[in-house]
Amino acid sequence: MTQENIEKLITSYVDGELTESPDTNDIKDLIEKDRGLKLDYSVQVFIKSIISERLKIKPVPERIKNKIIRKINPSKKFLATFFSRLLF
């Protein structure tokens, strides 16, 4: 396994993208045995936690939802005007 592959697997492991597989067990073992990989893993976990905390999903305000719904489902008057322009 190359260093680049190991780094990608650590990132996938931190992101929870690796399912239980030989790769998962191999990465766990490598992280435990190698100080540099353990540091890389710890830094990635730390950064991910900071980003997750700062980018929490907030609910969309009602006025924005209503504006989107109006644009998706325009009034009959709008449709009549729009299509009458296309016909002439």
Protein backbone atom coordinates (compact mmCIF):
# COMPACT_ATOMS: atom_id res chain seq x y z
CA MET A 1 0.00 0.00 0.00
CA THR A 2 1.46 3.36 -1.02
CA GLN A 3 1.59 6.40 1.26
CA GLU A 4 -0.95 8.16 -0.98
CA ASN A 5 -3.37 5.21 -0.69
CA ILE A 6 -2.93 5.16 3.08
CA GLU A 7 -3.68 8.89 3.31
CA LYS A 8 -6.82 8.49 1.20
CA LEU A 9 -7.96 5.55 3.32
CA ILE A 10 -7.42 7.53 6.52
CA THR A 11 -9.54 10.35 5.12
CA SER A 12 -12.24 7.86 4.12
CA TYR A 13 -12.04 6.27 7.56
CA VAL A 14 -12.42 9.65 9.31
CA ASP A 15 -15.39 10.50 7.06
CA GLY A 16 -17.07 7.18 7.88
CA GLU A 17 -16.95 6.05 4.27
CA LEU A 18 -15.18 2.76 4.94
CA THR A 19 -17.41 -0.11 5.81
CA GLU A 20 -16.17 -3.08 7.77
CA SER A 21 -13.63 -4.50 5.40
CA PRO A 22 -10.01 -5.57 5.39
CA ASP A 23 -9.10 -1.94 4.55
CA THR A 24 -10.78 -0.73 7.74
CA ASN A 25 -8.87 -3.18 9.91
CA ASP A 26 -5.61 -2.43 8.10
CA ILE A 27 -6.05 1.31 8.59
CA LYS A 28 -6.86 0.89 12.28
CA ASP A 29 -3.71 -1.19 12.74
CA LEU A 30 -1.55 1.27 10.79
CA ILE A 31 -2.87 4.23 12.78
CA GLU A 32 -2.14 2.48 16.08
CA LYS A 33 1.40 1.46 15.07
CA ASP A 34 2.63 4.56 13.22
CA ARG A 35 3.00 7.84 15.14
CA GLY A 36 2.88 9.94 11.96
CA LEU A 37 -0.33 8.30 10.77
CA LYS A 38 -1.81 8.62 14.25
CA LEU A 39 -1.04 12.34 14.17
CA ASP A 40 -2.55 12.66 10.67
CA TYR A 41 -5.66 10.82 11.83
CA SER A 42 -5.97 12.98 14.97
CA VAL A 43 -5.60 16.20 12.98
CA GLN A 44 -8.25 15.12 10.47
CA VAL A 45 -10.68 14.15 13.26
CA PHE A 46 -10.06 17.50 14.97
CA ILE A 47 -10.58 19.53 11.78
CA LYS A 48 -13.72 17.57 10.90
CA SER A 49 -15.17 18.26 14.36
CA ILE A 50 -14.46 22.00 14.06
CA ILE A 51 -16.03 22.19 10.60
CA SER A 52 -19.05 20.14 11.66
CA GLU A 53 -19.61 22.43 14.63
CA ARG A 54 -19.33 25.64 12.61
CA LEU A 55 -21.42 24.49 9.67
CA LYS A 56 -24.46 23.20 11.49
CA ILE A 57 -27.58 23.08 9.36
CA LYS A 58 -30.07 25.77 10.24
CA PRO A 59 -33.75 25.63 9.33
CA VAL A 60 -34.83 27.65 6.31
CA PRO A 61 -37.03 30.64 7.24
CA GLU A 62 -40.70 30.40 6.21
CA ARG A 63 -40.49 33.43 3.92
CA ILE A 64 -37.70 31.78 1.91
CA LYS A 65 -39.65 28.50 1.68
CA ASN A 66 -42.72 30.39 0.45
CA LYS A 67 -40.68 32.30 -2.13
CA ILE A 68 -39.27 29.02 -3.50
CA ILE A 69 -42.71 27.40 -3.59
CA ARG A 70 -44.13 30.38 -5.49
CA LYS A 71 -41.36 30.09 -8.07
CA ILE A 72 -41.84 26.35 -8.44
CA ASN A 73 -45.63 26.55 -8.55
CA PRO A 74 -46.47 29.90 -10.16
CA SER A 75 -50.00 31.28 -10.24
CA LYS A 76 -52.43 30.51 -13.07
CA LYS A 77 -52.28 34.17 -14.11
CA PHE A 78 -48.52 33.89 -14.60
CA LEU A 79 -48.89 30.71 -16.68
CA ALA A 80 -51.62 32.23 -18.87
CA THR A 81 -49.53 35.34 -19.50
CA PHE A 82 -46.36 33.36 -20.14
CA PHE A 83 -47.92 30.93 -22.62
CA SER A 84 -49.93 33.62 -24.43
CA ARG A 85 -46.63 35.37 -25.21
CA LEU A 86 -45.22 32.17 -26.66
CA LEU A 87 -48.19 31.63 -28.96
CA PHE A 88 -47.99 35.04 -30.63
